[in-house]
Amino acid sequence: MAMNRLRDAIKNFIRRENGTQMIEFALIFPVLILLFAGTVELGRLFYTYTTLAKATRAGARYLSTVQTVNTTSTDAAKRVVMCGNPTICGDANNPVILSNLTANKIVVTPPVAGGPQPQYVTVSITNYNYQFLVFNLNAMTGGNFNISLSPSTRMRFMR
């Protein structure tokens, strides 16, 4: 009789499902966190790229409407790309749109003087390194994992 009770107790213990949901959740939770963090990081990457692309578009639009493209107008176009303002950039009222965007990463290609019609002006951002927020892959892998963004806009020069 005692042996039957012991056997029944062991069978009941093995058939129990109390706590299995907690174990399954503990196994799946890290994967869910990685998926969520990866989605956030991918969204930030697209946001950064579209911000840079819109900034190059604004700079090209500014340059396409000036009378002549010279050093003064290209510097103003770089300020438009960095801050959205052709005169002032980098102060409290006109902050830089992205943290590590500098003027030396902005390349302005003016139209060719006396060249064929129509003429175009090109504004591009070169080697903008995307900075990860959630995953610091360089620290995690010990390598050099960088995503370089280089948006460009070519617009017709209206003179």
N, C-alpha and C. Protein backbone atom coordinates (compact mmCIF):
# COMPACT_ATOMS: atom_id res chain seq x y z
N MET A 1 0.81 -1.19 0.00
CA MET A 1 0.00 0.00 0.00
C MET A 1 0.87 1.26 0.00
N ALA A 2 1.87 1.30 0.83
CA ALA A 2 2.76 2.45 0.89
C ALA A 2 3.52 2.60 -0.42
N MET A 3 3.85 1.45 -1.01
CA MET A 3 4.57 1.51 -2.27
C MET A 3 3.69 2.09 -3.37
N ASN A 4 2.40 1.74 -3.37
CA ASN A 4 1.48 2.30 -4.37
C ASN A 4 1.31 3.80 -4.19
N ARG A 5 1.24 4.25 -2.94
CA ARG A 5 1.12 5.69 -2.68
C ARG A 5 2.36 6.44 -3.14
N LEU A 6 3.49 5.85 -2.89
CA LEU A 6 4.74 6.47 -3.33
C LEU A 6 4.81 6.54 -4.85
N ARG A 7 4.43 5.45 -5.51
CA ARG A 7 4.41 5.43 -6.97
C ARG A 7 3.43 6.47 -7.51
N ASP A 8 2.26 6.56 -6.93
CA ASP A 8 1.26 7.55 -7.35
C ASP A 8 1.75 8.98 -7.11
N ALA A 9 2.43 9.20 -6.00
CA ALA A 9 2.97 10.53 -5.70
C ALA A 9 4.04 10.92 -6.71
N ILE A 10 4.89 9.98 -7.10
CA ILE A 10 5.93 10.26 -8.10
C ILE A 10 5.31 10.54 -9.46
N LYS A 11 4.29 9.75 -9.85
CA LYS A 11 3.61 9.98 -11.12
C LYS A 11 2.94 11.35 -11.14
N ASN A 12 2.28 11.70 -10.05
CA ASN A 12 1.63 13.01 -9.97
C ASN A 12 2.64 14.15 -10.02
N PHE A 13 3.77 13.94 -9.39
CA PHE A 13 4.81 14.98 -9.41
C PHE A 13 5.36 15.19 -10.82
N ILE A 14 5.56 14.07 -11.54
CA ILE A 14 6.10 14.17 -12.90
C ILE A 14 5.07 14.78 -13.84
N ARG A 15 3.79 14.48 -13.64
CA ARG A 15 2.75 14.99 -14.54
C ARG A 15 2.36 16.44 -14.24
N ARG A 16 2.74 16.95 -13.13
CA ARG A 16 2.38 18.33 -12.79
C ARG A 16 2.97 19.32 -13.78
N GLU A 17 2.24 20.41 -14.01
CA GLU A 17 2.72 21.45 -14.91
C GLU A 17 2.83 22.80 -14.20
N ASN A 18 2.82 22.78 -12.90
CA ASN A 18 2.96 24.03 -12.15
C ASN A 18 4.36 24.60 -12.37
N GLY A 19 4.44 25.85 -12.80
CA GLY A 19 5.72 26.52 -12.96
C GLY A 19 6.35 26.37 -14.33
N THR A 20 5.76 25.56 -15.21
CA THR A 20 6.37 25.40 -16.53
C THR A 20 6.30 26.68 -17.35
N GLN A 21 5.25 27.46 -17.14
CA GLN A 21 5.15 28.73 -17.87
C GLN A 21 6.28 29.67 -17.46
N MET A 22 6.63 29.65 -16.19
CA MET A 22 7.72 30.50 -15.72
C MET A 22 9.05 30.08 -16.32
N ILE A 23 9.27 28.80 -16.44
CA ILE A 23 10.51 28.31 -17.05
C ILE A 23 10.55 28.66 -18.53
N GLU A 24 9.43 28.48 -19.24
CA GLU A 24 9.38 28.84 -20.65
C GLU A 24 9.61 30.34 -20.84
N PHE A 25 9.02 31.14 -19.97
CA PHE A 25 9.22 32.59 -20.06
C PHE A 25 10.68 32.95 -19.80
N ALA A 26 11.31 32.28 -18.84
CA ALA A 26 12.72 32.55 -18.54
C ALA A 26 13.62 32.18 -19.72
N LEU A 27 13.22 31.19 -20.50
CA LEU A 27 14.01 30.81 -21.67
C LEU A 27 13.79 31.76 -22.85
N ILE A 28 12.59 32.27 -23.00
CA ILE A 28 12.25 33.11 -24.15
C ILE A 28 12.52 34.60 -23.89
N PHE A 29 12.51 35.03 -22.66
CA PHE A 29 12.65 36.46 -22.33
C PHE A 29 13.91 37.10 -22.90
N PRO A 30 15.10 36.51 -22.81
CA PRO A 30 16.28 37.14 -23.41
C PRO A 30 16.15 37.33 -24.93
N VAL A 31 15.52 36.38 -25.59
CA VAL A 31 15.33 36.50 -27.03
C VAL A 31 14.39 37.67 -27.34
N LEU A 32 13.33 37.81 -26.55
CA LEU A 32 12.40 38.92 -26.74
C LEU A 32 13.09 40.27 -26.50
N ILE A 33 13.94 40.33 -25.50
CA ILE A 33 14.67 41.57 -25.22
C ILE A 33 15.59 41.91 -26.39
N LEU A 34 16.29 40.92 -26.94
CA LEU A 34 17.16 41.16 -28.09
C LEU A 34 16.37 41.63 -29.31
N LEU A 35 15.21 41.03 -29.55
CA LEU A 35 14.37 41.46 -30.67
C LEU A 35 13.88 42.88 -30.48
N PHE A 36 13.46 43.22 -29.28
CA PHE A 36 12.99 44.57 -29.00
C PHE A 36 14.12 45.59 -29.16
N ALA A 37 15.27 45.30 -28.59
CA ALA A 37 16.40 46.23 -28.68
C ALA A 37 16.88 46.37 -30.13
N GLY A 38 16.88 45.28 -30.88
CA GLY A 38 17.26 45.35 -32.29
C GLY A 38 16.29 46.18 -33.09
N THR A 39 15.01 46.07 -32.79
CA THR A 39 13.99 46.88 -33.47
C THR A 39 14.18 48.36 -33.16
N VAL A 40 14.46 48.67 -31.91
CA VAL A 40 14.71 50.07 -31.53
C VAL A 40 15.94 50.60 -32.25
N GLU A 41 16.99 49.82 -32.30
CA GLU A 41 18.23 50.26 -32.95
C GLU A 41 18.05 50.43 -34.45
N LEU A 42 17.32 49.54 -35.08
CA LEU A 42 17.05 49.67 -36.51
C LEU A 42 16.20 50.90 -36.80
N GLY A 43 15.22 51.17 -35.95
CA GLY A 43 14.41 52.38 -36.10
C GLY A 43 15.25 53.65 -35.96
N ARG A 44 16.17 53.66 -35.01
CA ARG A 44 17.07 54.81 -34.85
C ARG A 44 17.98 54.98 -36.06
N LEU A 45 18.42 53.88 -36.64
CA LEU A 45 19.27 53.93 -37.84
C LEU A 45 18.51 54.56 -39.00
N PHE A 46 17.27 54.13 -39.23
CA PHE A 46 16.47 54.73 -40.31
C PHE A 46 16.17 56.19 -40.04
N TYR A 47 15.88 56.52 -38.78
CA TYR A 47 15.62 57.92 -38.42
C TYR A 47 16.85 58.78 -38.70
N THR A 48 18.02 58.30 -38.32
CA THR A 48 19.25 59.05 -38.55
C THR A 48 19.51 59.24 -40.03
N TYR A 49 19.32 58.19 -40.82
CA TYR A 49 19.57 58.30 -42.25
C TYR A 49 18.59 59.28 -42.90
N THR A 50 17.31 59.21 -42.55
CA THR A 50 16.34 60.13 -43.16
C THR A 50 16.59 61.56 -42.72
N THR A 51 17.05 61.76 -41.50
CA THR A 51 17.40 63.11 -41.05
C THR A 51 18.56 63.66 -41.86
N LEU A 52 19.57 62.84 -42.08
CA LEU A 52 20.71 63.28 -42.90
C LEU A 52 20.29 63.54 -44.34
N ALA A 53 19.44 62.69 -44.89
CA ALA A 53 18.99 62.87 -46.27
C ALA A 53 18.18 64.16 -46.41
N LYS A 54 17.32 64.45 -45.43
CA LYS A 54 16.54 65.69 -45.47
C LYS A 54 17.45 66.91 -45.32
N ALA A 55 18.50 66.77 -44.53
CA ALA A 55 19.44 67.88 -44.36
C ALA A 55 20.19 68.17 -45.67
N THR A 56 20.61 67.12 -46.38
CA THR A 56 21.28 67.35 -47.67
C THR A 56 20.31 67.96 -48.66
N ARG A 57 19.05 67.57 -48.61
CA ARG A 57 18.06 68.15 -49.50
C ARG A 57 17.86 69.63 -49.22
N ALA A 58 17.84 70.00 -47.94
CA ALA A 58 17.70 71.42 -47.58
C ALA A 58 18.91 72.22 -48.03
N GLY A 59 20.11 71.66 -47.88
CA GLY A 59 21.32 72.35 -48.34
C GLY A 59 21.36 72.52 -49.84
N ALA A 60 20.96 71.49 -50.58
CA ALA A 60 20.93 71.59 -52.04
C ALA A 60 19.86 72.57 -52.49
N ARG A 61 18.73 72.59 -51.81
CA ARG A 61 17.67 73.55 -52.15
C ARG A 61 18.16 74.98 -51.92
N TYR A 62 18.88 75.18 -50.82
CA TYR A 62 19.43 76.51 -50.53
C TYR A 62 20.40 76.91 -51.64
N LEU A 63 21.31 76.02 -52.02
CA LEU A 63 22.31 76.35 -53.04
C LEU A 63 21.71 76.53 -54.43
N SER A 64 20.61 75.85 -54.71
CA SER A 64 20.02 75.96 -56.04
C SER A 64 19.35 77.31 -56.25
N THR A 65 19.10 78.05 -55.17
CA THR A 65 18.42 79.33 -55.31
C THR A 65 19.35 80.54 -55.19
N VAL A 66 20.62 80.34 -54.84
CA VAL A 66 21.53 81.48 -54.73
C VAL A 66 21.99 81.90 -56.12
N GLN A 67 22.47 83.13 -56.24
CA GLN A 67 22.90 83.63 -57.54
C GLN A 67 24.19 82.96 -58.01
N THR A 68 25.19 82.93 -57.16
CA THR A 68 26.45 82.28 -57.51
C THR A 68 26.89 81.37 -56.37
N VAL A 69 27.48 80.27 -56.74
CA VAL A 69 27.99 79.34 -55.73
C VAL A 69 29.46 79.67 -55.52
N ASN A 70 29.76 80.21 -54.33
CA ASN A 70 31.13 80.54 -53.97
C ASN A 70 31.39 80.04 -52.56
N THR A 71 32.51 80.41 -51.99
CA THR A 71 32.88 79.94 -50.65
C THR A 71 31.86 80.36 -49.61
N THR A 72 31.36 81.59 -49.71
CA THR A 72 30.39 82.08 -48.73
C THR A 72 29.09 81.29 -48.81
N SER A 73 28.61 81.03 -50.01
CA SER A 73 27.34 80.31 -50.13
C SER A 73 27.50 78.82 -49.79
N THR A 74 28.65 78.23 -50.08
CA THR A 74 28.85 76.83 -49.69
C THR A 74 28.96 76.70 -48.17
N ASP A 75 29.60 77.65 -47.51
CA ASP A 75 29.65 77.63 -46.04
C ASP A 75 28.25 77.79 -45.45
N ALA A 76 27.45 78.68 -46.06
CA ALA A 76 26.07 78.86 -45.60
C ALA A 76 25.26 77.58 -45.83
N ALA A 77 25.49 76.91 -46.96
CA ALA A 77 24.78 75.65 -47.23
C ALA A 77 25.18 74.57 -46.22
N LYS A 78 26.44 74.55 -45.82
CA LYS A 78 26.87 73.59 -44.80
C LYS A 78 26.19 73.87 -43.47
N ARG A 79 26.01 75.16 -43.14
CA ARG A 79 25.28 75.51 -41.92
C ARG A 79 23.81 75.11 -42.02
N VAL A 80 23.23 75.22 -43.22
CA VAL A 80 21.85 74.77 -43.42
C VAL A 80 21.75 73.27 -43.19
N VAL A 81 22.72 72.52 -43.69
CA VAL A 81 22.72 71.07 -43.50
C VAL A 81 22.89 70.73 -42.02
N MET A 82 23.78 71.41 -41.34
CA MET A 82 24.06 71.08 -39.94
C MET A 82 22.98 71.56 -38.98
N CYS A 83 22.42 72.77 -39.22
CA CYS A 83 21.51 73.38 -38.24
C CYS A 83 20.18 73.84 -38.81
N GLY A 84 20.08 73.95 -40.13
CA GLY A 84 18.86 74.46 -40.72
C GLY A 84 18.83 75.97 -40.86
N ASN A 85 19.92 76.64 -40.52
CA ASN A 85 20.00 78.09 -40.57
C ASN A 85 21.26 78.48 -41.34
N PRO A 86 21.14 79.33 -42.38
CA PRO A 86 22.35 79.66 -43.16
C PRO A 86 23.30 80.64 -42.48
N THR A 87 22.86 81.32 -41.43
CA THR A 87 23.73 82.34 -40.82
C THR A 87 24.38 81.89 -39.52
N ILE A 88 23.63 81.25 -38.66
CA ILE A 88 24.15 80.89 -37.33
C ILE A 88 23.97 79.39 -37.12
N CYS A 89 24.99 78.77 -36.56
CA CYS A 89 24.91 77.33 -36.30
C CYS A 89 25.70 76.98 -35.04
N GLY A 90 25.10 76.13 -34.22
CA GLY A 90 25.82 75.61 -33.07
C GLY A 90 25.55 76.30 -31.76
N ASP A 91 24.71 77.35 -31.74
CA ASP A 91 24.41 77.99 -30.46
C ASP A 91 23.17 77.34 -29.84
N ALA A 92 22.69 77.90 -28.74
CA ALA A 92 21.55 77.30 -28.03
C ALA A 92 20.27 77.34 -28.85
N ASN A 93 20.08 78.37 -29.67
CA ASN A 93 18.87 78.49 -30.46
C ASN A 93 18.93 77.70 -31.77
N ASN A 94 20.12 77.39 -32.23
CA ASN A 94 20.32 76.65 -33.49
C ASN A 94 21.28 75.49 -33.26
N PRO A 95 20.84 74.44 -32.57
CA PRO A 95 21.76 73.32 -32.31
C PRO A 95 21.97 72.48 -33.57
N VAL A 96 23.06 71.73 -33.58
CA VAL A 96 23.36 70.81 -34.67
C VAL A 96 22.34 69.68 -34.61
N ILE A 97 21.83 69.26 -35.78
CA ILE A 97 20.74 68.29 -35.81
C ILE A 97 21.15 66.91 -35.30
N LEU A 98 22.39 66.51 -35.54
CA LEU A 98 22.90 65.24 -35.03
C LEU A 98 24.25 65.47 -34.36
N SER A 99 24.52 64.72 -33.32
CA SER A 99 25.63 65.04 -32.43
C SER A 99 27.00 65.08 -33.11
N ASN A 100 27.34 64.13 -33.93
CA ASN A 100 28.69 64.12 -34.49
C ASN A 100 28.72 64.53 -35.96
N LEU A 101 27.79 65.38 -36.38
CA LEU A 101 27.80 65.93 -37.73
C LEU A 101 28.61 67.21 -37.73
N THR A 102 29.69 67.22 -38.50
CA THR A 102 30.56 68.38 -38.58
C THR A 102 30.64 68.86 -40.03
N ALA A 103 31.14 70.08 -40.20
CA ALA A 103 31.22 70.68 -41.54
C ALA A 103 32.18 69.94 -42.45
N ASN A 104 33.21 69.32 -41.89
CA ASN A 104 34.16 68.63 -42.77
C ASN A 104 33.61 67.32 -43.33
N LYS A 105 32.45 66.85 -42.85
CA LYS A 105 31.80 65.67 -43.41
C LYS A 105 30.82 66.03 -44.52
N ILE A 106 30.60 67.34 -44.74
CA ILE A 106 29.65 67.80 -45.75
C ILE A 106 30.44 68.22 -46.98
N VAL A 107 30.10 67.65 -48.13
CA VAL A 107 30.79 67.94 -49.38
C VAL A 107 29.78 68.62 -50.32
N VAL A 108 30.16 69.81 -50.81
CA VAL A 108 29.34 70.55 -51.74
C VAL A 108 30.05 70.54 -53.10
N THR A 109 29.36 70.05 -54.11
CA THR A 109 29.89 70.05 -55.47
C THR A 109 29.13 71.10 -56.27
N PRO A 110 29.77 72.23 -56.55
CA PRO A 110 29.07 73.31 -57.27
C PRO A 110 28.89 72.98 -58.74
N PRO A 111 28.03 73.70 -59.42
CA PRO A 111 27.88 73.48 -60.86
C PRO A 111 29.13 73.95 -61.60
N VAL A 112 29.38 73.37 -62.75
CA VAL A 112 30.54 73.72 -63.56
C VAL A 112 30.27 75.06 -64.24
N ALA A 113 31.19 76.02 -64.05
CA ALA A 113 31.01 77.35 -64.65
C ALA A 113 31.13 77.23 -66.17
N GLY A 114 30.13 77.72 -66.86
CA GLY A 114 30.15 77.69 -68.32
C GLY A 114 29.94 76.31 -68.89
N GLY A 115 29.50 75.38 -68.05
CA GLY A 115 29.28 74.01 -68.50
C GLY A 115 27.96 73.88 -69.24
N PRO A 116 27.64 72.67 -69.62
CA PRO A 116 26.40 72.44 -70.37
C PRO A 116 25.17 72.70 -69.50
N GLN A 117 24.09 73.04 -70.15
CA GLN A 117 22.84 73.27 -69.43
C GLN A 117 22.03 71.98 -69.45
N PRO A 118 21.29 71.63 -68.49
CA PRO A 118 21.15 72.26 -67.19
C PRO A 118 22.32 71.91 -66.28
N GLN A 119 22.50 72.74 -65.28
CA GLN A 119 23.58 72.52 -64.32
C GLN A 119 22.99 72.05 -63.00
N TYR A 120 23.80 71.29 -62.27
CA TYR A 120 23.34 70.70 -61.02
C TYR A 120 24.31 71.02 -59.89
N VAL A 121 23.76 71.07 -58.68
CA VAL A 121 24.57 71.21 -57.48
C VAL A 121 24.32 69.96 -56.63
N THR A 122 25.38 69.45 -56.03
CA THR A 122 25.27 68.23 -55.22
C THR A 122 25.75 68.52 -53.80
N VAL A 123 24.96 68.11 -52.84
CA VAL A 123 25.34 68.20 -51.42
C VAL A 123 25.30 66.78 -50.87
N SER A 124 26.40 66.36 -50.27
CA SER A 124 26.46 65.01 -49.71
C SER A 124 27.15 65.03 -48.36
N ILE A 125 26.81 64.05 -47.57
CA ILE A 125 27.46 63.84 -46.28
C ILE A 125 28.26 62.55 -46.41
N THR A 126 29.54 62.62 -46.08
CA THR A 126 30.40 61.45 -46.24
C THR A 126 30.86 60.93 -44.89
N ASN A 127 30.87 59.63 -44.77
CA ASN A 127 31.42 58.93 -43.60
C ASN A 127 30.83 59.40 -42.28
N TYR A 128 29.52 59.52 -42.22
CA TYR A 128 28.88 59.79 -40.93
C TYR A 128 28.73 58.46 -40.22
N ASN A 129 29.45 58.27 -39.13
CA ASN A 129 29.41 57.01 -38.39
C ASN A 129 28.22 57.00 -37.45
N TYR A 130 27.36 56.02 -37.64
CA TYR A 130 26.18 55.86 -36.80
C TYR A 130 26.62 55.37 -35.43
N GLN A 131 26.10 56.01 -34.39
CA GLN A 131 26.46 55.63 -33.02
C GLN A 131 25.33 54.79 -32.43
N PHE A 132 25.66 53.59 -32.02
CA PHE A 132 24.66 52.69 -31.45
C PHE A 132 24.28 53.15 -30.06
N LEU A 133 23.00 53.00 -29.74
CA LEU A 133 22.50 53.37 -28.43
C LEU A 133 22.38 52.15 -27.53
N VAL A 134 21.74 51.11 -28.03
CA VAL A 134 21.46 49.93 -27.22
C VAL A 134 22.63 48.96 -27.22
N PHE A 135 23.13 48.63 -28.40
CA PHE A 135 24.21 47.67 -28.52
C PHE A 135 25.50 48.39 -28.88
N ASN A 136 26.49 48.29 -28.04
CA ASN A 136 27.81 48.78 -28.38
C ASN A 136 28.58 47.59 -28.94
N LEU A 137 28.42 47.38 -30.25
CA LEU A 137 29.00 46.18 -30.85
C LEU A 137 30.52 46.19 -30.85
N ASN A 138 31.12 47.36 -30.85
CA ASN A 138 32.58 47.41 -30.79
C ASN A 138 33.08 46.88 -29.45
N ALA A 139 32.42 47.24 -28.37
CA ALA A 139 32.84 46.75 -27.06
C ALA A 139 32.48 45.28 -26.87
N MET A 140 31.34 44.87 -27.43
CA MET A 140 30.90 43.49 -27.25
C MET A 140 31.73 42.51 -28.06
N THR A 141 32.13 42.91 -29.27
CA THR A 141 32.88 42.00 -30.13
C THR A 141 34.38 42.25 -30.12
N GLY A 142 34.79 43.41 -29.61
CA GLY A 142 36.21 43.75 -29.62
C GLY A 142 36.70 44.13 -30.99
N GLY A 143 35.79 44.38 -31.91
CA GLY A 143 36.18 44.70 -33.28
C GLY A 143 35.88 46.14 -33.64
N ASN A 144 35.92 46.41 -34.91
CA ASN A 144 35.66 47.75 -35.43
C ASN A 144 34.39 47.67 -36.26
N PHE A 145 33.25 47.71 -35.60
CA PHE A 145 31.95 47.57 -36.25
C PHE A 145 31.30 48.94 -36.34
N ASN A 146 31.39 49.56 -37.51
CA ASN A 146 30.80 50.88 -37.73
C ASN A 146 29.87 50.82 -38.93
N ILE A 147 28.80 51.57 -38.85
CA ILE A 147 27.91 51.74 -39.99
C ILE A 147 28.10 53.16 -40.46
N SER A 148 28.59 53.32 -41.67
CA SER A 148 28.86 54.63 -42.23
C SER A 148 27.71 55.02 -43.14
N LEU A 149 27.09 56.16 -42.86
CA LEU A 149 25.97 56.67 -43.65
C LEU A 149 26.48 57.78 -44.55
N SER A 150 26.07 57.76 -45.82
CA SER A 150 26.52 58.77 -46.79
C SER A 150 25.38 59.17 -47.72
N PRO A 151 24.40 59.92 -47.22
CA PRO A 151 23.33 60.37 -48.11
C PRO A 151 23.80 61.52 -49.00
N SER A 152 23.14 61.67 -50.14
CA SER A 152 23.52 62.70 -51.09
C SER A 152 22.28 63.20 -51.81
N THR A 153 22.28 64.47 -52.18
CA THR A 153 21.19 65.06 -52.95
C THR A 153 21.75 65.87 -54.09
N ARG A 154 21.22 65.63 -55.29
CA ARG A 154 21.62 66.38 -56.47
C ARG A 154 20.39 67.15 -56.93
N MET A 155 20.56 68.46 -57.08
CA MET A 155 19.43 69.30 -57.44
C MET A 155 19.82 70.26 -58.55
N ARG A 156 18.86 70.59 -59.36
CA ARG A 156 19.13 71.49 -60.48
C ARG A 156 19.44 72.90 -59.98
N PHE A 157 20.44 73.50 -60.56
CA PHE A 157 20.87 74.86 -60.17
C PHE A 157 20.02 75.87 -60.94
N MET A 158 19.22 76.64 -60.21
CA MET A 158 18.29 77.61 -60.80
C MET A 158 18.92 78.99 -60.77
N ARG A 159 19.42 79.44 -61.87
CA ARG A 159 19.93 80.79 -61.84
C ARG A 159 19.28 81.65 -62.87
